[in-house]
Amino acid sequence: MNFRSISIISFLVLSVLIGCKETEKEKQIQEGEGYVEVNGGKVWYRINGKGANTPVLLLHGGPGSSSFGFEPYKKISEDRPVIFYDQLGSGRSDRITDTTLMTVERYIDEVEQVRKELDVDKVYLHGQSWGTALGLEYYLKYPEHVEGIIFSSPYFSTKRWIRDANELVTTLPDSIQKIIRTNEENKTFSNPEYQDAVTLFYSKFLRRKDRSQAQKDTASKYFGTNVYEYMWGPSEFTATGTLLNYDRIDKLSEVKVPVLFITGEFDEAIPSTVKEYQQMVPGAEFVEISNSGHATLNDNPEEALSAIKRFLDKTDETLD
């Protein structure tokens, strides 16, 4: 083979490599919003950020809440794409009445359909509350697409959640405890006294920092009440739905990617329980957000976002 032939071959190889790199750049996730067709309807998504780092896919709580509570996360999008999306039955996604669509398995498939439609190979998962269960389930089924996980105010077991919730209820005035127990026994969850008791509990352990009226109105509009009540129940401390016997604590030891556990100082997901979860995942980190309830991004967004960014940047470095 003469020098001219070698030069031509080298040029062709170089051209192919350059072409591959250009193709990779073209495939970089683009900012914008839209809808993805999933089993049962269409789900809304929005992508913020154009950075080259691994995107974060946000899995909101509920079931039946929305990605609206993740809005402070846009500050993380300076160096990576952040994918907001509303699960079917809530937010800006299609609403549903078919209860056969309200299953853990279908929601796992939904996350995969969103990932594939957006043509993203690897993601960080950030689950909040119910979203942590969904994140764990997704990882167990599709580990090859997950670079790391943030379990924020985690829920992995209804039995454990209710045990901790009952502990928090005992810190309320005796009169409030009686109202809660009486209405639970009678299943009179729409009773105004019960609703007032729920509001008091939420002000201490769910969201300690009040929102503007506009924020409350938006969150209320986006909430999929029927999904929440069918899968979970009438309140955060009363489970009556299909998740009543849900328990996947034993699967935490199978997580082999970097993990950050986050919980609020006054969280429904109480710090002592979350620390136990952390110890079940090899190498996992734990951060407690001060002056915060369950909604850490509402109560203390600066501290929560700082912990999240540190974890993502540190994990990025280990993956390079």
C-alpha atoms as a PDB file:
ATOM      1  CA  MET A   1       0.000   0.000   0.000  1.00  0.00           C
ATOM      2  CA  ASN A   2       1.555   3.307  -1.041  1.00  0.00           C
ATOM      3  CA  PHE A   3       1.580   6.595   0.889  1.00  0.00           C
ATOM      4  CA  ARG A   4      -1.216   8.057  -1.244  1.00  0.00           C
ATOM      5  CA  SER A   5      -3.530   5.116  -0.419  1.00  0.00           C
ATOM      6  CA  ILE A   6      -2.778   5.421   3.300  1.00  0.00           C
ATOM      7  CA  SER A   7      -3.557   9.152   3.148  1.00  0.00           C
ATOM      8  CA  ILE A   8      -6.904   8.524   1.454  1.00  0.00           C
ATOM      9  CA  ILE A   9      -7.853   5.865   4.018  1.00  0.00           C
ATOM     10  CA  SER A  10      -6.832   8.173   6.885  1.00  0.00           C
ATOM     11  CA  PHE A  11      -8.928  10.962   5.404  1.00  0.00           C
ATOM     12  CA  LEU A  12     -11.952   8.668   5.087  1.00  0.00           C
ATOM     13  CA  VAL A  13     -11.610   7.426   8.683  1.00  0.00           C
ATOM     14  CA  LEU A  14     -11.267  11.000   9.933  1.00  0.00           C
ATOM     15  CA  SER A  15     -14.343  12.033   7.946  1.00  0.00           C
ATOM     16  CA  VAL A  16     -16.377   9.214   9.481  1.00  0.00           C
ATOM     17  CA  LEU A  17     -15.272  10.185  13.009  1.00  0.00           C
ATOM     18  CA  ILE A  18     -16.126  13.834  12.401  1.00  0.00           C
ATOM     19  CA  GLY A  19     -19.480  12.807  10.983  1.00  0.00           C
ATOM     20  CA  CYS A  20     -20.199  10.738  14.078  1.00  0.00           C
ATOM     21  CA  LYS A  21     -19.365  13.661  16.349  1.00  0.00           C
ATOM     22  CA  GLU A  22     -21.595  15.966  14.323  1.00  0.00           C
ATOM     23  CA  THR A  23     -24.394  13.412  14.542  1.00  0.00           C
ATOM     24  CA  GLU A  24     -23.957  13.282  18.325  1.00  0.00           C
ATOM     25  CA  LYS A  25     -24.175  17.066  18.500  1.00  0.00           C
ATOM     26  CA  GLU A  26     -27.276  17.082  16.338  1.00  0.00           C
ATOM     27  CA  LYS A  27     -28.865  14.568  18.731  1.00  0.00           C
ATOM     28  CA  GLN A  28     -28.315  16.811  21.755  1.00  0.00           C
ATOM     29  CA  ILE A  29     -31.612  17.402  23.493  1.00  0.00           C
ATOM     30  CA  GLN A  30     -33.319  20.628  22.452  1.00  0.00           C
ATOM     31  CA  GLU A  31     -35.156  23.135  24.640  1.00  0.00           C
ATOM     32  CA  GLY A  32     -38.901  23.406  24.208  1.00  0.00           C
ATOM     33  CA  GLU A  33     -42.164  21.821  25.216  1.00  0.00           C
ATOM     34  CA  GLY A  34     -44.703  19.487  23.728  1.00  0.00           C
ATOM     35  CA  TYR A  35     -46.576  16.245  24.223  1.00  0.00           C
ATOM     36  CA  VAL A  36     -45.617  12.581  24.104  1.00  0.00           C
ATOM     37  CA  GLU A  37     -48.120   9.906  23.156  1.00  0.00           C
ATOM     38  CA  VAL A  38     -48.186   7.214  25.849  1.00  0.00           C
ATOM     39  CA  ASN A  39     -50.447   4.324  26.710  1.00  0.00           C
ATOM     40  CA  GLY A  40     -53.744   6.006  27.625  1.00  0.00           C
ATOM     41  CA  GLY A  41     -53.221   9.509  26.279  1.00  0.00           C
ATOM     42  CA  LYS A  42     -50.729  12.342  25.886  1.00  0.00           C
ATOM     43  CA  VAL A  43     -48.334  13.670  28.519  1.00  0.00           C
ATOM     44  CA  TRP A  44     -46.911  17.183  28.598  1.00  0.00           C
ATOM     45  CA  TYR A  45     -43.187  17.855  28.846  1.00  0.00           C
ATOM     46  CA  ARG A  46     -40.850  20.842  28.844  1.00  0.00           C
ATOM     47  CA  ILE A  47     -37.077  20.892  28.491  1.00  0.00           C
ATOM     48  CA  ASN A  48     -34.995  23.699  29.959  1.00  0.00           C
ATOM     49  CA  GLY A  49     -31.257  23.954  29.326  1.00  0.00           C
ATOM     50  CA  LYS A  50     -28.856  23.074  26.515  1.00  0.00           C
ATOM     51  CA  GLY A  51     -25.748  21.978  28.397  1.00  0.00           C
ATOM     52  CA  ALA A  52     -23.814  18.882  27.351  1.00  0.00           C
ATOM     53  CA  ASN A  53     -24.061  17.220  30.755  1.00  0.00           C
ATOM     54  CA  THR A  54     -26.431  14.305  31.402  1.00  0.00           C
ATOM     55  CA  PRO A  55     -30.076  15.497  31.551  1.00  0.00           C
ATOM     56  CA  VAL A  56     -32.200  15.246  34.694  1.00  0.00           C
ATOM     57  CA  LEU A  57     -35.645  13.678  34.307  1.00  0.00           C
ATOM     58  CA  LEU A  58     -38.030  14.877  37.028  1.00  0.00           C
ATOM     59  CA  LEU A  59     -40.607  12.494  38.494  1.00  0.00           C
ATOM     60  CA  HIS A  60     -43.187  14.358  40.562  1.00  0.00           C
ATOM     61  CA  GLY A  61     -45.128  13.125  43.559  1.00  0.00           C
ATOM     62  CA  GLY A  62     -48.717  12.277  44.235  1.00  0.00           C
ATOM     63  CA  PRO A  63     -49.635  10.113  42.486  1.00  0.00           C
ATOM     64  CA  GLY A  64     -51.602  12.854  40.797  1.00  0.00           C
ATOM     65  CA  SER A  65     -49.496  15.900  41.560  1.00  0.00           C
ATOM     66  CA  SER A  66     -47.570  17.714  38.792  1.00  0.00           C
ATOM     67  CA  SER A  67     -44.141  19.015  37.837  1.00  0.00           C
ATOM     68  CA  PHE A  68     -45.208  22.536  38.902  1.00  0.00           C
ATOM     69  CA  GLY A  69     -43.472  22.095  42.256  1.00  0.00           C
ATOM     70  CA  PHE A  70     -40.185  21.514  40.441  1.00  0.00           C
ATOM     71  CA  GLU A  71     -40.126  25.019  38.899  1.00  0.00           C
ATOM     72  CA  PRO A  72     -37.112  26.152  41.031  1.00  0.00           C
ATOM     73  CA  TYR A  73     -35.162  23.389  39.268  1.00  0.00           C
ATOM     74  CA  LYS A  74     -34.799  25.655  36.233  1.00  0.00           C
ATOM     75  CA  LYS A  75     -31.766  27.156  37.996  1.00  0.00           C
ATOM     76  CA  ILE A  76     -30.004  23.812  37.551  1.00  0.00           C
ATOM     77  CA  SER A  77     -30.530  23.993  33.773  1.00  0.00           C
ATOM     78  CA  GLU A  78     -27.587  26.334  33.189  1.00  0.00           C
ATOM     79  CA  ASP A  79     -25.244  23.410  32.527  1.00  0.00           C
ATOM     80  CA  ARG A  80     -27.576  20.533  31.654  1.00  0.00           C
ATOM     81  CA  PRO A  81     -31.048  19.887  30.231  1.00  0.00           C
ATOM     82  CA  VAL A  82     -33.795  19.457  32.811  1.00  0.00           C
ATOM     83  CA  ILE A  83     -36.858  17.505  31.681  1.00  0.00           C
ATOM     84  CA  PHE A  84     -40.114  18.446  33.365  1.00  0.00           C
ATOM     85  CA  TYR A  85     -43.129  16.270  32.667  1.00  0.00           C
ATOM     86  CA  ASP A  86     -46.601  15.725  34.089  1.00  0.00           C
ATOM     87  CA  GLN A  87     -47.637  12.116  34.576  1.00  0.00           C
ATOM     88  CA  LEU A  88     -50.830  11.001  32.859  1.00  0.00           C
ATOM     89  CA  GLY A  89     -53.900  12.149  34.781  1.00  0.00           C
ATOM     90  CA  SER A  90     -52.336  15.309  36.184  1.00  0.00           C
ATOM     91  CA  GLY A  91     -50.860  18.692  35.344  1.00  0.00           C
ATOM     92  CA  ARG A  92     -51.029  19.652  31.692  1.00  0.00           C
ATOM     93  CA  SER A  93     -51.247  16.033  30.583  1.00  0.00           C
ATOM     94  CA  ASP A  94     -54.473  14.305  29.576  1.00  0.00           C
ATOM     95  CA  ARG A  95     -56.831  13.553  32.457  1.00  0.00           C
ATOM     96  CA  ILE A  96     -58.031   9.990  32.854  1.00  0.00           C
ATOM     97  CA  THR A  97     -60.948   8.157  34.447  1.00  0.00           C
ATOM     98  CA  ASP A  98     -59.977   4.629  33.388  1.00  0.00           C
ATOM     99  CA  THR A  99     -58.536   3.098  36.556  1.00  0.00           C
ATOM    100  CA  THR A 100     -56.750   0.372  34.584  1.00  0.00           C
ATOM    101  CA  LEU A 101     -54.327   3.141  33.567  1.00  0.00           C
ATOM    102  CA  MET A 102     -53.617   4.054  37.200  1.00  0.00           C
ATOM    103  CA  THR A 103     -51.036   1.367  37.912  1.00  0.00           C
ATOM    104  CA  VAL A 104     -47.392   1.367  38.928  1.00  0.00           C
ATOM    105  CA  GLU A 105     -46.515  -0.761  35.905  1.00  0.00           C
ATOM    106  CA  ARG A 106     -48.147   1.601  33.414  1.00  0.00           C
ATOM    107  CA  TYR A 107     -46.404   4.619  34.939  1.00  0.00           C
ATOM    108  CA  ILE A 108     -43.041   2.829  34.638  1.00  0.00           C
ATOM    109  CA  ASP A 109     -43.743   2.242  30.948  1.00  0.00           C
ATOM    110  CA  GLU A 110     -44.794   5.878  30.618  1.00  0.00           C
ATOM    111  CA  VAL A 111     -41.405   7.101  31.852  1.00  0.00           C
ATOM    112  CA  GLU A 112     -39.694   4.857  29.310  1.00  0.00           C
ATOM    113  CA  GLN A 113     -41.959   6.127  26.518  1.00  0.00           C
ATOM    114  CA  VAL A 114     -41.044   9.716  27.414  1.00  0.00           C
ATOM    115  CA  ARG A 115     -37.320   8.911  27.456  1.00  0.00           C
ATOM    116  CA  LYS A 116     -37.458   7.156  24.093  1.00  0.00           C
ATOM    117  CA  GLU A 117     -39.579   9.840  22.437  1.00  0.00           C
ATOM    118  CA  LEU A 118     -37.126  12.542  23.565  1.00  0.00           C
ATOM    119  CA  ASP A 119     -34.266  10.366  22.258  1.00  0.00           C
ATOM    120  CA  VAL A 120     -32.253  10.528  25.477  1.00  0.00           C
ATOM    121  CA  ASP A 121     -29.998   7.560  26.212  1.00  0.00           C
ATOM    122  CA  LYS A 122     -28.870   8.321  29.775  1.00  0.00           C
ATOM    123  CA  VAL A 123     -30.561  10.386  32.489  1.00  0.00           C
ATOM    124  CA  TYR A 124     -30.348  11.276  36.127  1.00  0.00           C
ATOM    125  CA  LEU A 125     -33.669  10.558  37.808  1.00  0.00           C
ATOM    126  CA  HIS A 126     -34.975  12.956  40.440  1.00  0.00           C
ATOM    127  CA  GLY A 127     -37.993  11.525  42.181  1.00  0.00           C
ATOM    128  CA  GLN A 128     -40.048  13.420  44.756  1.00  0.00           C
ATOM    129  CA  SER A 129     -42.228  11.439  47.215  1.00  0.00           C
ATOM    130  CA  TRP A 130     -44.269   8.988  45.066  1.00  0.00           C
ATOM    131  CA  GLY A 131     -41.800   9.882  42.306  1.00  0.00           C
ATOM    132  CA  THR A 132     -39.049   8.115  44.275  1.00  0.00           C
ATOM    133  CA  ALA A 133     -40.991   4.849  44.109  1.00  0.00           C
ATOM    134  CA  LEU A 134     -41.482   5.414  40.390  1.00  0.00           C
ATOM    135  CA  GLY A 135     -37.773   6.192  39.998  1.00  0.00           C
ATOM    136  CA  LEU A 136     -36.760   3.031  41.845  1.00  0.00           C
ATOM    137  CA  GLU A 137     -39.146   0.931  39.765  1.00  0.00           C
ATOM    138  CA  TYR A 138     -37.878   2.457  36.534  1.00  0.00           C
ATOM    139  CA  TYR A 139     -34.260   1.819  37.522  1.00  0.00           C
ATOM    140  CA  LEU A 140     -34.998  -1.805  38.382  1.00  0.00           C
ATOM    141  CA  LYS A 141     -36.482  -2.346  34.916  1.00  0.00           C
ATOM    142  CA  TYR A 142     -34.204  -0.074  32.835  1.00  0.00           C
ATOM    143  CA  PRO A 143     -30.895   0.314  34.749  1.00  0.00           C
ATOM    144  CA  GLU A 144     -28.930   0.867  31.544  1.00  0.00           C
ATOM    145  CA  HIS A 145     -30.520   4.298  31.063  1.00  0.00           C
ATOM    146  CA  VAL A 146     -29.875   5.669  34.572  1.00  0.00           C
ATOM    147  CA  GLU A 147     -26.630   7.441  35.535  1.00  0.00           C
ATOM    148  CA  GLY A 148     -27.706   8.361  39.055  1.00  0.00           C
ATOM    149  CA  ILE A 149     -30.768   8.933  41.227  1.00  0.00           C
ATOM    150  CA  ILE A 150     -31.962  11.611  43.625  1.00  0.00           C
ATOM    151  CA  PHE A 151     -34.514  10.232  46.067  1.00  0.00           C
ATOM    152  CA  SER A 152     -36.161  13.335  47.533  1.00  0.00           C
ATOM    153  CA  SER A 153     -38.510  12.844  50.523  1.00  0.00           C
ATOM    154  CA  PRO A 154     -38.714   9.156  49.599  1.00  0.00           C
ATOM    155  CA  TYR A 155     -41.645   6.774  49.698  1.00  0.00           C
ATOM    156  CA  PHE A 156     -40.860   3.081  49.263  1.00  0.00           C
ATOM    157  CA  SER A 157     -43.347   1.453  51.640  1.00  0.00           C
ATOM    158  CA  THR A 158     -46.896   2.372  52.572  1.00  0.00           C
ATOM    159  CA  LYS A 159     -46.646   0.549  55.899  1.00  0.00           C
ATOM    160  CA  ARG A 160     -43.522   2.512  56.820  1.00  0.00           C
ATOM    161  CA  TRP A 161     -44.995   5.785  55.552  1.00  0.00           C
ATOM    162  CA  ILE A 162     -48.151   5.391  57.632  1.00  0.00           C
ATOM    163  CA  ARG A 163     -46.140   4.380  60.698  1.00  0.00           C
ATOM    164  CA  ASP A 164     -44.112   7.584  60.434  1.00  0.00           C
ATOM    165  CA  ALA A 165     -47.226   9.650  59.660  1.00  0.00           C
ATOM    166  CA  ASN A 166     -48.937   8.299  62.778  1.00  0.00           C
ATOM    167  CA  GLU A 167     -45.913   9.358  64.780  1.00  0.00           C
ATOM    168  CA  LEU A 168     -46.234  12.893  63.400  1.00  0.00           C
ATOM    169  CA  VAL A 169     -49.983  12.950  64.084  1.00  0.00           C
ATOM    170  CA  THR A 170     -49.258  12.325  67.790  1.00  0.00           C
ATOM    171  CA  THR A 171     -47.454  15.681  67.908  1.00  0.00           C
ATOM    172  CA  LEU A 172     -50.714  17.491  67.096  1.00  0.00           C
ATOM    173  CA  PRO A 173     -53.136  18.688  69.827  1.00  0.00           C
ATOM    174  CA  ASP A 174     -55.250  15.915  71.349  1.00  0.00           C
ATOM    175  CA  SER A 175     -58.448  17.444  69.970  1.00  0.00           C
ATOM    176  CA  ILE A 176     -57.041  17.326  66.424  1.00  0.00           C
ATOM    177  CA  GLN A 177     -55.890  13.730  66.860  1.00  0.00           C
ATOM    178  CA  LYS A 178     -59.392  12.760  67.959  1.00  0.00           C
ATOM    179  CA  ILE A 179     -60.943  14.422  64.903  1.00  0.00           C
ATOM    180  CA  ILE A 180     -58.562  12.563  62.616  1.00  0.00           C
ATOM    181  CA  ARG A 181     -59.147   9.154  64.190  1.00  0.00           C
ATOM    182  CA  THR A 182     -62.919   9.555  64.440  1.00  0.00           C
ATOM    183  CA  ASN A 183     -63.281  10.533  60.789  1.00  0.00           C
ATOM    184  CA  GLU A 184     -60.908   7.803  59.664  1.00  0.00           C
ATOM    185  CA  GLU A 185     -62.993   5.207  61.502  1.00  0.00           C
ATOM    186  CA  ASN A 186     -66.202   6.583  60.010  1.00  0.00           C
ATOM    187  CA  LYS A 187     -64.600   7.220  56.594  1.00  0.00           C
ATOM    188  CA  THR A 188     -66.038  10.758  56.665  1.00  0.00           C
ATOM    189  CA  PHE A 189     -63.082  12.294  54.881  1.00  0.00           C
ATOM    190  CA  SER A 190     -65.056  15.243  53.504  1.00  0.00           C
ATOM    191  CA  ASN A 191     -66.015  16.383  57.010  1.00  0.00           C
ATOM    192  CA  PRO A 192     -64.881  20.032  57.414  1.00  0.00           C
ATOM    193  CA  GLU A 193     -63.262  19.247  60.755  1.00  0.00           C
ATOM    194  CA  TYR A 194     -61.219  16.476  59.162  1.00  0.00           C
ATOM    195  CA  GLN A 195     -60.210  18.777  56.315  1.00  0.00           C
ATOM    196  CA  ASP A 196     -59.097  21.421  58.820  1.00  0.00           C
ATOM    197  CA  ALA A 197     -57.015  18.803  60.612  1.00  0.00           C
ATOM    198  CA  VAL A 198     -55.424  17.820  57.303  1.00  0.00           C
ATOM    199  CA  THR A 199     -54.597  21.467  56.611  1.00  0.00           C
ATOM    200  CA  LEU A 200     -52.909  21.786  60.012  1.00  0.00           C
ATOM    201  CA  PHE A 201     -50.847  18.630  59.430  1.00  0.00           C
ATOM    202  CA  TYR A 202     -49.794  19.865  56.002  1.00  0.00           C
ATOM    203  CA  SER A 203     -48.713  23.257  57.364  1.00  0.00           C
ATOM    204  CA  LYS A 204     -46.269  21.505  59.694  1.00  0.00           C
ATOM    205  CA  PHE A 205     -44.974  18.599  57.656  1.00  0.00           C
ATOM    206  CA  LEU A 206     -45.857  19.067  53.989  1.00  0.00           C
ATOM    207  CA  ARG A 207     -45.305  22.731  53.126  1.00  0.00           C
ATOM    208  CA  ARG A 208     -44.131  25.055  55.898  1.00  0.00           C
ATOM    209  CA  LYS A 209     -43.624  28.125  53.715  1.00  0.00           C
ATOM    210  CA  ASP A 210     -46.857  29.499  52.303  1.00  0.00           C
ATOM    211  CA  ARG A 211     -47.294  29.987  48.572  1.00  0.00           C
ATOM    212  CA  SER A 212     -48.842  32.901  46.737  1.00  0.00           C
ATOM    213  CA  GLN A 213     -52.524  32.616  45.851  1.00  0.00           C
ATOM    214  CA  ALA A 214     -51.584  32.315  42.172  1.00  0.00           C
ATOM    215  CA  GLN A 215     -49.271  29.383  42.966  1.00  0.00           C
ATOM    216  CA  LYS A 216     -51.989  27.709  45.035  1.00  0.00           C
ATOM    217  CA  ASP A 217     -54.517  28.141  42.240  1.00  0.00           C
ATOM    218  CA  THR A 218     -52.150  26.663  39.643  1.00  0.00           C
ATOM    219  CA  ALA A 219     -51.217  23.695  41.835  1.00  0.00           C
ATOM    220  CA  SER A 220     -54.887  23.039  42.543  1.00  0.00           C
ATOM    221  CA  LYS A 221     -55.775  23.214  38.850  1.00  0.00           C
ATOM    222  CA  TYR A 222     -53.001  20.766  37.959  1.00  0.00           C
ATOM    223  CA  PHE A 223     -53.740  18.235  40.711  1.00  0.00           C
ATOM    224  CA  GLY A 224     -55.215  14.913  39.580  1.00  0.00           C
ATOM    225  CA  THR A 225     -57.431  14.255  42.579  1.00  0.00           C
ATOM    226  CA  ASN A 226     -58.987  11.075  41.214  1.00  0.00           C
ATOM    227  CA  VAL A 227     -55.575   9.502  40.586  1.00  0.00           C
ATOM    228  CA  TYR A 228     -54.390  10.451  44.074  1.00  0.00           C
ATOM    229  CA  GLU A 229     -57.469   9.097  45.806  1.00  0.00           C
ATOM    230  CA  TYR A 230     -57.620   5.895  43.741  1.00  0.00           C
ATOM    231  CA  MET A 231     -53.960   4.996  44.159  1.00  0.00           C
ATOM    232  CA  TRP A 232     -53.247   6.546  47.554  1.00  0.00           C
ATOM    233  CA  GLY A 233     -56.207   7.857  49.587  1.00  0.00           C
ATOM    234  CA  PRO A 234     -57.875  10.933  51.101  1.00  0.00           C
ATOM    235  CA  SER A 235     -54.797  12.462  52.774  1.00  0.00           C
ATOM    236  CA  GLU A 236     -51.056  12.083  53.230  1.00  0.00           C
ATOM    237  CA  PHE A 237     -51.538  10.172  56.491  1.00  0.00           C
ATOM    238  CA  THR A 238     -54.417   7.926  55.393  1.00  0.00           C
ATOM    239  CA  ALA A 239     -53.881   5.261  52.716  1.00  0.00           C
ATOM    240  CA  THR A 240     -56.914   3.460  51.286  1.00  0.00           C
ATOM    241  CA  GLY A 241     -55.974   3.006  47.616  1.00  0.00           C
ATOM    242  CA  THR A 242     -54.225   0.465  45.437  1.00  0.00           C
ATOM    243  CA  LEU A 243     -50.828   1.343  46.942  1.00  0.00           C
ATOM    244  CA  LEU A 244     -52.015   0.157  50.366  1.00  0.00           C
ATOM    245  CA  ASN A 245     -49.688  -2.866  50.358  1.00  0.00           C
ATOM    246  CA  TYR A 246     -46.872  -1.342  48.311  1.00  0.00           C
ATOM    247  CA  ASP A 247     -43.409  -2.117  49.721  1.00  0.00           C
ATOM    248  CA  ARG A 248     -40.114  -2.149  47.825  1.00  0.00           C
ATOM    249  CA  ILE A 249     -37.649  -1.375  50.615  1.00  0.00           C
ATOM    250  CA  ASP A 250     -35.921  -4.698  49.985  1.00  0.00           C
ATOM    251  CA  LYS A 251     -34.991  -3.537  46.468  1.00  0.00           C
ATOM    252  CA  LEU A 252     -32.873  -0.568  47.593  1.00  0.00           C
ATOM    253  CA  SER A 253     -29.795  -2.756  47.964  1.00  0.00           C
ATOM    254  CA  GLU A 254     -29.987  -3.504  44.226  1.00  0.00           C
ATOM    255  CA  VAL A 255     -29.302   0.118  43.242  1.00  0.00           C
ATOM    256  CA  LYS A 256     -25.750   0.308  41.880  1.00  0.00           C
ATOM    257  CA  VAL A 257     -25.593   3.900  40.603  1.00  0.00           C
ATOM    258  CA  PRO A 258     -24.737   7.037  42.632  1.00  0.00           C
ATOM    259  CA  VAL A 259     -27.648   8.054  44.862  1.00  0.00           C
ATOM    260  CA  LEU A 260     -28.500  11.136  46.901  1.00  0.00           C
ATOM    261  CA  PHE A 261     -31.209  11.011  49.546  1.00  0.00           C
ATOM    262  CA  ILE A 262     -32.825  14.337  50.479  1.00  0.00           C
ATOM    263  CA  THR A 263     -35.370  15.026  53.183  1.00  0.00           C
ATOM    264  CA  GLY A 264     -36.634  18.068  55.054  1.00  0.00           C
ATOM    265  CA  GLU A 265     -35.973  18.720  58.731  1.00  0.00           C
ATOM    266  CA  PHE A 266     -39.732  18.449  59.388  1.00  0.00           C
ATOM    267  CA  ASP A 267     -40.555  16.146  56.478  1.00  0.00           C
ATOM    268  CA  GLU A 268     -43.324  13.548  56.369  1.00  0.00           C
ATOM    269  CA  ALA A 269     -40.511  11.334  55.137  1.00  0.00           C
ATOM    270  CA  ILE A 270     -38.843  11.649  58.517  1.00  0.00           C
ATOM    271  CA  PRO A 271     -35.031  11.988  58.558  1.00  0.00           C
ATOM    272  CA  SER A 272     -34.404   8.899  60.698  1.00  0.00           C
ATOM    273  CA  THR A 273     -36.259   6.690  58.217  1.00  0.00           C
ATOM    274  CA  VAL A 274     -34.525   8.261  55.211  1.00  0.00           C
ATOM    275  CA  LYS A 275     -31.138   7.665  56.873  1.00  0.00           C
ATOM    276  CA  GLU A 276     -32.065   3.996  57.169  1.00  0.00           C
ATOM    277  CA  TYR A 277     -32.851   3.943  53.459  1.00  0.00           C
ATOM    278  CA  GLN A 278     -29.508   5.595  52.704  1.00  0.00           C
ATOM    279  CA  GLN A 279     -27.649   2.842  54.570  1.00  0.00           C
ATOM    280  CA  MET A 280     -29.296   0.233  52.341  1.00  0.00           C
ATOM    281  CA  VAL A 281     -27.810   1.713  49.154  1.00  0.00           C
ATOM    282  CA  PRO A 282     -24.050   1.231  48.800  1.00  0.00           C
ATOM    283  CA  GLY A 283     -22.220   4.581  48.771  1.00  0.00           C
ATOM    284  CA  ALA A 284     -25.401   6.681  48.911  1.00  0.00           C
ATOM    285  CA  GLU A 285     -25.307  10.227  50.284  1.00  0.00           C
ATOM    286  CA  PHE A 286     -27.776  11.921  52.649  1.00  0.00           C
ATOM    287  CA  VAL A 287     -28.709  15.582  53.056  1.00  0.00           C
ATOM    288  CA  GLU A 288     -31.258  17.059  55.452  1.00  0.00           C
ATOM    289  CA  ILE A 289     -32.713  20.408  54.346  1.00  0.00           C
ATOM    290  CA  SER A 290     -33.187  22.784  57.258  1.00  0.00           C
ATOM    291  CA  ASN A 291     -36.481  24.544  58.055  1.00  0.00           C
ATOM    292  CA  SER A 292     -38.265  22.422  55.475  1.00  0.00           C
ATOM    293  CA  GLY A 293     -41.180  20.042  55.309  1.00  0.00           C
ATOM    294  CA  HIS A 294     -41.920  17.585  52.510  1.00  0.00           C
ATOM    295  CA  ALA A 295     -41.769  20.277  49.807  1.00  0.00           C
ATOM    296  CA  THR A 296     -38.066  21.097  50.138  1.00  0.00           C
ATOM    297  CA  LEU A 297     -37.963  23.082  46.881  1.00  0.00           C
ATOM    298  CA  ASN A 298     -40.768  25.266  48.238  1.00  0.00           C
ATOM    299  CA  ASP A 299     -39.564  25.683  51.818  1.00  0.00           C
ATOM    300  CA  ASN A 300     -35.803  26.052  51.301  1.00  0.00           C
ATOM    301  CA  PRO A 301     -35.006  26.011  47.578  1.00  0.00           C
ATOM    302  CA  GLU A 302     -31.530  27.509  47.943  1.00  0.00           C
ATOM    303  CA  GLU A 303     -30.264  24.780  50.255  1.00  0.00           C
ATOM    304  CA  ALA A 304     -32.025  22.011  48.329  1.00  0.00           C
ATOM    305  CA  LEU A 305     -30.730  23.146  44.930  1.00  0.00           C
ATOM    306  CA  SER A 306     -27.209  23.542  46.306  1.00  0.00           C
ATOM    307  CA  ALA A 307     -27.219  19.919  47.527  1.00  0.00           C
ATOM    308  CA  ILE A 308     -28.633  18.701  44.214  1.00  0.00           C
ATOM    309  CA  LYS A 309     -26.076  20.595  42.136  1.00  0.00           C
ATOM    310  CA  ARG A 310     -23.167  19.334  44.247  1.00  0.00           C
ATOM    311  CA  PHE A 311     -24.326  15.765  43.745  1.00  0.00           C
ATOM    312  CA  LEU A 312     -24.829  16.141  39.995  1.00  0.00           C
ATOM    313  CA  ASP A 313     -21.469  17.880  39.450  1.00  0.00           C
ATOM    314  CA  LYS A 314     -19.632  15.319  41.569  1.00  0.00           C
ATOM    315  CA  THR A 315     -21.253  12.427  39.741  1.00  0.00           C
ATOM    316  CA  ASP A 316     -20.538  14.031  36.360  1.00  0.00           C
ATOM    317  CA  GLU A 317     -16.837  14.052  37.260  1.00  0.00           C
ATOM    318  CA  THR A 318     -16.805  10.361  38.145  1.00  0.00           C
ATOM    319  CA  LEU A 319     -18.464   9.537  34.817  1.00  0.00           C
ATOM    320  CA  ASP A 320     -16.027  11.508  32.646  1.00  0.00           C
END
